[in-house]
Amino acid sequence: MINEPYYYLSFWSENPIKGIEKLDTLDAGRWMMPDWNSAVLKQSEILEVGSAIGQHKLVKSFFNSGIKILMDHFNKS
């Protein structure tokens, strides 16, 4: 599905999750719905940010926003 290294944030549920295909947009990366219950941040996106500090912030933002979006969604359900 992705032809380069990447970070991902994935989740699983035994039951279908209502509205999961309409999650909010991530601060970085993208959702891979409906093919895979996950979000992906590709290496090429990270490398576009020049500095190590900027790259760290981007990766941290990817995980923080993804986890918040998922937690908010599941707490509504």
PDB file of N, CA and C in Angstrom:
ATOM      1  N   MET A   1       0.812  -1.199   0.000  1.00  0.00           N
ATOM      2  CA  MET A   1       0.000   0.000   0.000  1.00  0.00           C
ATOM      3  C   MET A   1       0.856   1.265   0.000  1.00  0.00           C
ATOM      4  N   ILE A   2       1.994   1.225   0.690  1.00  0.00           N
ATOM      5  CA  ILE A   2       2.883   2.380   0.743  1.00  0.00           C
ATOM      6  C   ILE A   2       4.287   1.890   0.427  1.00  0.00           C
ATOM      7  N   ASN A   3       4.923   2.546  -0.514  1.00  0.00           N
ATOM      8  CA  ASN A   3       6.216   2.068  -1.025  1.00  0.00           C
ATOM      9  C   ASN A   3       7.416   2.750  -0.391  1.00  0.00           C
ATOM     10  N   GLU A   4       7.297   3.129   0.856  1.00  0.00           N
ATOM     11  CA  GLU A   4       8.413   3.757   1.561  1.00  0.00           C
ATOM     12  C   GLU A   4       8.189   3.561   3.062  1.00  0.00           C
ATOM     13  N   PRO A   5       9.217   3.786   3.863  1.00  0.00           N
ATOM     14  CA  PRO A   5       9.026   3.668   5.323  1.00  0.00           C
ATOM     15  C   PRO A   5       7.993   4.684   5.812  1.00  0.00           C
ATOM     16  N   TYR A   6       7.329   4.333   6.896  1.00  0.00           N
ATOM     17  CA  TYR A   6       6.285   5.212   7.435  1.00  0.00           C
ATOM     18  C   TYR A   6       6.038   4.896   8.901  1.00  0.00           C
ATOM     19  N   TYR A   7       5.461   5.885   9.585  1.00  0.00           N
ATOM     20  CA  TYR A   7       4.904   5.675  10.917  1.00  0.00           C
ATOM     21  C   TYR A   7       3.427   5.412  10.725  1.00  0.00           C
ATOM     22  N   TYR A   8       2.856   4.629  11.626  1.00  0.00           N
ATOM     23  CA  TYR A   8       1.415   4.437  11.525  1.00  0.00           C
ATOM     24  C   TYR A   8       0.777   4.382  12.899  1.00  0.00           C
ATOM     25  N   LEU A   9      -0.498   4.703  12.898  1.00  0.00           N
ATOM     26  CA  LEU A   9      -1.332   4.667  14.085  1.00  0.00           C
ATOM     27  C   LEU A   9      -2.522   3.804  13.700  1.00  0.00           C
ATOM     28  N   SER A  10      -2.671   2.669  14.351  1.00  0.00           N
ATOM     29  CA  SER A  10      -3.704   1.719  13.970  1.00  0.00           C
ATOM     30  C   SER A  10      -4.585   1.372  15.161  1.00  0.00           C
ATOM     31  N   PHE A  11      -5.780   0.930  14.863  1.00  0.00           N
ATOM     32  CA  PHE A  11      -6.710   0.512  15.907  1.00  0.00           C
ATOM     33  C   PHE A  11      -7.542  -0.644  15.390  1.00  0.00           C
ATOM     34  N   TRP A  12      -8.137  -1.361  16.311  1.00  0.00           N
ATOM     35  CA  TRP A  12      -8.944  -2.523  15.965  1.00  0.00           C
ATOM     36  C   TRP A  12     -10.177  -2.546  16.848  1.00  0.00           C
ATOM     37  N   SER A  13     -11.260  -3.021  16.287  1.00  0.00           N
ATOM     38  CA  SER A  13     -12.485  -3.206  17.047  1.00  0.00           C
ATOM     39  C   SER A  13     -13.156  -4.487  16.578  1.00  0.00           C
ATOM     40  N   GLU A  14     -13.649  -5.235  17.524  1.00  0.00           N
ATOM     41  CA  GLU A  14     -14.355  -6.468  17.187  1.00  0.00           C
ATOM     42  C   GLU A  14     -15.649  -6.166  16.433  1.00  0.00           C
ATOM     43  N   ASN A  15     -16.252  -5.027  16.742  1.00  0.00           N
ATOM     44  CA  ASN A  15     -17.522  -4.633  16.122  1.00  0.00           C
ATOM     45  C   ASN A  15     -17.302  -3.471  15.166  1.00  0.00           C
ATOM     46  N   PRO A  16     -18.185  -3.325  14.175  1.00  0.00           N
ATOM     47  CA  PRO A  16     -18.081  -2.162  13.278  1.00  0.00           C
ATOM     48  C   PRO A  16     -18.167  -0.860  14.086  1.00  0.00           C
ATOM     49  N   ILE A  17     -17.457   0.148  13.626  1.00  0.00           N
ATOM     50  CA  ILE A  17     -17.414   1.430  14.318  1.00  0.00           C
ATOM     51  C   ILE A  17     -18.188   2.444  13.491  1.00  0.00           C
ATOM     52  N   LYS A  18     -19.260   2.936  14.035  1.00  0.00           N
ATOM     53  CA  LYS A  18     -20.124   3.885  13.332  1.00  0.00           C
ATOM     54  C   LYS A  18     -19.369   5.196  13.086  1.00  0.00           C
ATOM     55  N   GLY A  19     -19.417   5.679  11.852  1.00  0.00           N
ATOM     56  CA  GLY A  19     -18.840   6.963  11.496  1.00  0.00           C
ATOM     57  C   GLY A  19     -17.335   7.004  11.362  1.00  0.00           C
ATOM     58  N   ILE A  20     -16.685   5.863  11.411  1.00  0.00           N
ATOM     59  CA  ILE A  20     -15.219   5.841  11.394  1.00  0.00           C
ATOM     60  C   ILE A  20     -14.652   6.345  10.063  1.00  0.00           C
ATOM     61  N   GLU A  21     -15.421   6.275   9.008  1.00  0.00           N
ATOM     62  CA  GLU A  21     -14.940   6.730   7.702  1.00  0.00           C
ATOM     63  C   GLU A  21     -14.956   8.256   7.584  1.00  0.00           C
ATOM     64  N   LYS A  22     -15.457   8.950   8.605  1.00  0.00           N
ATOM     65  CA  LYS A  22     -15.565  10.409   8.569  1.00  0.00           C
ATOM     66  C   LYS A  22     -14.780  11.062   9.705  1.00  0.00           C
ATOM     67  N   LEU A  23     -13.592  10.573   9.968  1.00  0.00           N
ATOM     68  CA  LEU A  23     -12.766  11.149  11.024  1.00  0.00           C
ATOM     69  C   LEU A  23     -12.241  12.521  10.606  1.00  0.00           C
ATOM     70  N   ASP A  24     -11.961  13.366  11.595  1.00  0.00           N
ATOM     71  CA  ASP A  24     -11.378  14.676  11.322  1.00  0.00           C
ATOM     72  C   ASP A  24     -10.015  14.517  10.659  1.00  0.00           C
ATOM     73  N   THR A  25      -9.598  15.558   9.980  1.00  0.00           N
ATOM     74  CA  THR A  25      -8.304  15.568   9.305  1.00  0.00           C
ATOM     75  C   THR A  25      -7.177  15.623  10.329  1.00  0.00           C
ATOM     76  N   LEU A  26      -6.137  14.867  10.074  1.00  0.00           N
ATOM     77  CA  LEU A  26      -4.943  14.852  10.929  1.00  0.00           C
ATOM     78  C   LEU A  26      -4.118  16.115  10.731  1.00  0.00           C
ATOM     79  N   ASP A  27      -3.324  16.475  11.733  1.00  0.00           N
ATOM     80  CA  ASP A  27      -2.387  17.589  11.596  1.00  0.00           C
ATOM     81  C   ASP A  27      -1.275  17.244  10.609  1.00  0.00           C
ATOM     82  N   ALA A  28      -0.947  15.974  10.481  1.00  0.00           N
ATOM     83  CA  ALA A  28       0.072  15.487   9.553  1.00  0.00           C
ATOM     84  C   ALA A  28      -0.303  14.072   9.151  1.00  0.00           C
ATOM     85  N   GLY A  29       0.090  13.647   7.963  1.00  0.00           N
ATOM     86  CA  GLY A  29      -0.243  12.300   7.506  1.00  0.00           C
ATOM     87  C   GLY A  29      -1.679  12.215   7.017  1.00  0.00           C
ATOM     88  N   ARG A  30      -2.163  10.977   6.853  1.00  0.00           N
ATOM     89  CA  ARG A  30      -3.543  10.795   6.359  1.00  0.00           C
ATOM     90  C   ARG A  30      -4.120   9.486   6.869  1.00  0.00           C
ATOM     91  N   TRP A  31      -5.434   9.460   6.945  1.00  0.00           N
ATOM     92  CA  TRP A  31      -6.151   8.235   7.298  1.00  0.00           C
ATOM     93  C   TRP A  31      -6.141   7.302   6.104  1.00  0.00           C
ATOM     94  N   MET A  32      -6.123   6.003   6.354  1.00  0.00           N
ATOM     95  CA  MET A  32      -6.111   4.992   5.293  1.00  0.00           C
ATOM     96  C   MET A  32      -7.458   4.253   5.209  1.00  0.00           C
ATOM     97  N   MET A  33      -8.519   4.874   5.661  1.00  0.00           N
ATOM     98  CA  MET A  33      -9.829   4.246   5.660  1.00  0.00           C
ATOM     99  C   MET A  33     -10.371   4.163   4.247  1.00  0.00           C
ATOM    100  N   PRO A  34     -11.118   3.216   3.848  1.00  0.00           N
ATOM    101  CA  PRO A  34     -11.578   2.053   4.605  1.00  0.00           C
ATOM    102  C   PRO A  34     -10.688   0.830   4.431  1.00  0.00           C
ATOM    103  N   ASP A  35      -9.604   0.967   3.660  1.00  0.00           N
ATOM    104  CA  ASP A  35      -8.765  -0.198   3.379  1.00  0.00           C
ATOM    105  C   ASP A  35      -8.030  -0.724   4.611  1.00  0.00           C
ATOM    106  N   TRP A  36      -7.728   0.182   5.535  1.00  0.00           N
ATOM    107  CA  TRP A  36      -6.941  -0.196   6.701  1.00  0.00           C
ATOM    108  C   TRP A  36      -7.321   0.766   7.817  1.00  0.00           C
ATOM    109  N   ASN A  37      -7.656   0.270   8.982  1.00  0.00           N
ATOM    110  CA  ASN A  37      -8.016   1.119  10.116  1.00  0.00           C
ATOM    111  C   ASN A  37      -6.753   1.741  10.687  1.00  0.00           C
ATOM    112  N   SER A  38      -6.260   2.763  10.006  1.00  0.00           N
ATOM    113  CA  SER A  38      -5.004   3.361  10.441  1.00  0.00           C
ATOM    114  C   SER A  38      -4.820   4.743   9.838  1.00  0.00           C
ATOM    115  N   ALA A  39      -3.818   5.408  10.356  1.00  0.00           N
ATOM    116  CA  ALA A  39      -3.310   6.647   9.783  1.00  0.00           C
ATOM    117  C   ALA A  39      -1.840   6.411   9.476  1.00  0.00           C
ATOM    118  N   VAL A  40      -1.339   7.104   8.463  1.00  0.00           N
ATOM    119  CA  VAL A  40       0.036   6.901   8.008  1.00  0.00           C
ATOM    120  C   VAL A  40       0.724   8.249   7.814  1.00  0.00           C
ATOM    121  N   LEU A  41       1.961   8.326   8.254  1.00  0.00           N
ATOM    122  CA  LEU A  41       2.820   9.469   7.980  1.00  0.00           C
ATOM    123  C   LEU A  41       4.057   8.923   7.278  1.00  0.00           C
ATOM    124  N   LYS A  42       4.208   9.273   5.999  1.00  0.00           N
ATOM    125  CA  LYS A  42       5.292   8.731   5.185  1.00  0.00           C
ATOM    126  C   LYS A  42       6.622   9.430   5.461  1.00  0.00           C
ATOM    127  N   GLN A  43       7.692   8.674   5.263  1.00  0.00           N
ATOM    128  CA  GLN A  43       9.039   9.200   5.449  1.00  0.00           C
ATOM    129  C   GLN A  43       9.273  10.425   4.578  1.00  0.00           C
ATOM    130  N   SER A  44       8.794  10.404   3.351  1.00  0.00           N
ATOM    131  CA  SER A  44       9.010  11.538   2.449  1.00  0.00           C
ATOM    132  C   SER A  44       8.379  12.818   3.008  1.00  0.00           C
ATOM    133  N   GLU A  45       7.239  12.698   3.681  1.00  0.00           N
ATOM    134  CA  GLU A  45       6.610  13.866   4.297  1.00  0.00           C
ATOM    135  C   GLU A  45       7.478  14.395   5.446  1.00  0.00           C
ATOM    136  N   ILE A  46       8.056  13.496   6.189  1.00  0.00           N
ATOM    137  CA  ILE A  46       8.907  13.888   7.315  1.00  0.00           C
ATOM    138  C   ILE A  46      10.168  14.580   6.797  1.00  0.00           C
ATOM    139  N   LEU A  47      10.770  14.022   5.751  1.00  0.00           N
ATOM    140  CA  LEU A  47      12.019  14.562   5.223  1.00  0.00           C
ATOM    141  C   LEU A  47      11.832  15.922   4.550  1.00  0.00           C
ATOM    142  N   GLU A  48      10.602  16.255   4.151  1.00  0.00           N
ATOM    143  CA  GLU A  48      10.331  17.572   3.576  1.00  0.00           C
ATOM    144  C   GLU A  48      10.580  18.678   4.595  1.00  0.00           C
ATOM    145  N   VAL A  49      10.452  18.333   5.874  1.00  0.00           N
ATOM    146  CA  VAL A  49      10.746  19.284   6.945  1.00  0.00           C
ATOM    147  C   VAL A  49      12.255  19.229   7.170  1.00  0.00           C
ATOM    148  N   GLY A  50      12.920  20.339   6.996  1.00  0.00           N
ATOM    149  CA  GLY A  50      14.374  20.330   6.972  1.00  0.00           C
ATOM    150  C   GLY A  50      15.075  19.941   8.259  1.00  0.00           C
ATOM    151  N   SER A  51      14.647  20.478   9.367  1.00  0.00           N
ATOM    152  CA  SER A  51      15.412  20.279  10.602  1.00  0.00           C
ATOM    153  C   SER A  51      14.930  19.071  11.393  1.00  0.00           C
ATOM    154  N   ALA A  52      15.816  18.540  12.206  1.00  0.00           N
ATOM    155  CA  ALA A  52      15.457  17.415  13.076  1.00  0.00           C
ATOM    156  C   ALA A  52      14.374  17.827  14.066  1.00  0.00           C
ATOM    157  N   ILE A  53      14.446  19.052  14.564  1.00  0.00           N
ATOM    158  CA  ILE A  53      13.432  19.536  15.502  1.00  0.00           C
ATOM    159  C   ILE A  53      12.071  19.605  14.814  1.00  0.00           C
ATOM    160  N   GLY A  54      12.047  20.114  13.586  1.00  0.00           N
ATOM    161  CA  GLY A  54      10.800  20.181  12.829  1.00  0.00           C
ATOM    162  C   GLY A  54      10.246  18.800  12.526  1.00  0.00           C
ATOM    163  N   GLN A  55      11.123  17.868  12.193  1.00  0.00           N
ATOM    164  CA  GLN A  55      10.694  16.497  11.913  1.00  0.00           C
ATOM    165  C   GLN A  55      10.096  15.866  13.168  1.00  0.00           C
ATOM    166  N   HIS A  56      10.739  16.092  14.305  1.00  0.00           N
ATOM    167  CA  HIS A  56      10.230  15.565  15.574  1.00  0.00           C
ATOM    168  C   HIS A  56       8.848  16.138  15.868  1.00  0.00           C
ATOM    169  N   LYS A  57       8.683  17.435  15.660  1.00  0.00           N
ATOM    170  CA  LYS A  57       7.383  18.080  15.897  1.00  0.00           C
ATOM    171  C   LYS A  57       6.305  17.511  14.978  1.00  0.00           C
ATOM    172  N   LEU A  58       6.661  17.253  13.724  1.00  0.00           N
ATOM    173  CA  LEU A  58       5.702  16.707  12.765  1.00  0.00           C
ATOM    174  C   LEU A  58       5.238  15.317  13.194  1.00  0.00           C
ATOM    175  N   VAL A  59       6.186  14.456  13.549  1.00  0.00           N
ATOM    176  CA  VAL A  59       5.838  13.096  13.976  1.00  0.00           C
ATOM    177  C   VAL A  59       5.007  13.133  15.254  1.00  0.00           C
ATOM    178  N   LYS A  60       5.407  13.966  16.189  1.00  0.00           N
ATOM    179  CA  LYS A  60       4.665  14.106  17.443  1.00  0.00           C
ATOM    180  C   LYS A  60       3.250  14.617  17.172  1.00  0.00           C
ATOM    181  N   SER A  61       3.119  15.566  16.280  1.00  0.00           N
ATOM    182  CA  SER A  61       1.809  16.107  15.914  1.00  0.00           C
ATOM    183  C   SER A  61       0.929  15.037  15.269  1.00  0.00           C
ATOM    184  N   PHE A  62       1.536  14.209  14.427  1.00  0.00           N
ATOM    185  CA  PHE A  62       0.806  13.102  13.788  1.00  0.00           C
ATOM    186  C   PHE A  62       0.191  12.190  14.835  1.00  0.00           C
ATOM    187  N   PHE A  63       1.002  11.745  15.773  1.00  0.00           N
ATOM    188  CA  PHE A  63       0.488  10.838  16.799  1.00  0.00           C
ATOM    189  C   PHE A  63      -0.488  11.540  17.743  1.00  0.00           C
ATOM    190  N   ASN A  64      -0.152  12.728  18.202  1.00  0.00           N
ATOM    191  CA  ASN A  64      -1.039  13.425  19.135  1.00  0.00           C
ATOM    192  C   ASN A  64      -2.402  13.725  18.526  1.00  0.00           C
ATOM    193  N   SER A  65      -2.418  14.228  17.287  1.00  0.00           N
ATOM    194  CA  SER A  65      -3.713  14.548  16.669  1.00  0.00           C
ATOM    195  C   SER A  65      -4.492  13.279  16.364  1.00  0.00           C
ATOM    196  N   GLY A  66      -3.814  12.238  15.898  1.00  0.00           N
ATOM    197  CA  GLY A  66      -4.511  10.982  15.592  1.00  0.00           C
ATOM    198  C   GLY A  66      -5.126  10.345  16.825  1.00  0.00           C
ATOM    199  N   ILE A  67      -4.372  10.308  17.905  1.00  0.00           N
ATOM    200  CA  ILE A  67      -4.895   9.721  19.143  1.00  0.00           C
ATOM    201  C   ILE A  67      -6.059  10.544  19.670  1.00  0.00           C
ATOM    202  N   LYS A  68      -5.943  11.878  19.625  1.00  0.00           N
ATOM    203  CA  LYS A  68      -7.034  12.732  20.096  1.00  0.00           C
ATOM    204  C   LYS A  68      -8.293  12.524  19.258  1.00  0.00           C
ATOM    205  N   ILE A  69      -8.143  12.499  17.945  1.00  0.00           N
ATOM    206  CA  ILE A  69      -9.295  12.296  17.059  1.00  0.00           C
ATOM    207  C   ILE A  69      -9.968  10.966  17.358  1.00  0.00           C
ATOM    208  N   LEU A  70      -9.182   9.912  17.493  1.00  0.00           N
ATOM    209  CA  LEU A  70      -9.762   8.595  17.790  1.00  0.00           C
ATOM    210  C   LEU A  70     -10.430   8.566  19.152  1.00  0.00           C
ATOM    211  N   MET A  71      -9.779   9.110  20.168  1.00  0.00           N
ATOM    212  CA  MET A  71     -10.370   9.112  21.512  1.00  0.00           C
ATOM    213  C   MET A  71     -11.666   9.913  21.534  1.00  0.00           C
ATOM    214  N   ASP A  72     -11.677  11.072  20.880  1.00  0.00           N
ATOM    215  CA  ASP A  72     -12.902  11.876  20.811  1.00  0.00           C
ATOM    216  C   ASP A  72     -14.015  11.105  20.109  1.00  0.00           C
ATOM    217  N   HIS A  73     -13.658  10.413  19.028  1.00  0.00           N
ATOM    218  CA  HIS A  73     -14.669   9.660  18.274  1.00  0.00           C
ATOM    219  C   HIS A  73     -15.236   8.517  19.116  1.00  0.00           C
ATOM    220  N   PHE A  74     -14.370   7.764  19.769  1.00  0.00           N
ATOM    221  CA  PHE A  74     -14.838   6.630  20.553  1.00  0.00           C
ATOM    222  C   PHE A  74     -15.596   7.076  21.795  1.00  0.00           C
ATOM    223  N   ASN A  75     -15.245   8.226  22.350  1.00  0.00           N
ATOM    224  CA  ASN A  75     -15.965   8.734  23.517  1.00  0.00           C
ATOM    225  C   ASN A  75     -17.359   9.215  23.173  1.00  0.00           C
ATOM    226  N   LYS A  76     -17.579   9.606  21.904  1.00  0.00           N
ATOM    227  CA  LYS A  76     -18.911  10.019  21.437  1.00  0.00           C
ATOM    228  C   LYS A  76     -19.822   8.815  21.244  1.00  0.00           C
ATOM    229  N   SER A  77     -19.211   7.696  20.898  1.00  0.00           N
ATOM    230  CA  SER A  77     -19.992   6.487  20.552  1.00  0.00           C
ATOM    231  C   SER A  77     -20.639   5.865  21.765  1.00  0.00           C
TER     232      SER A  77
END
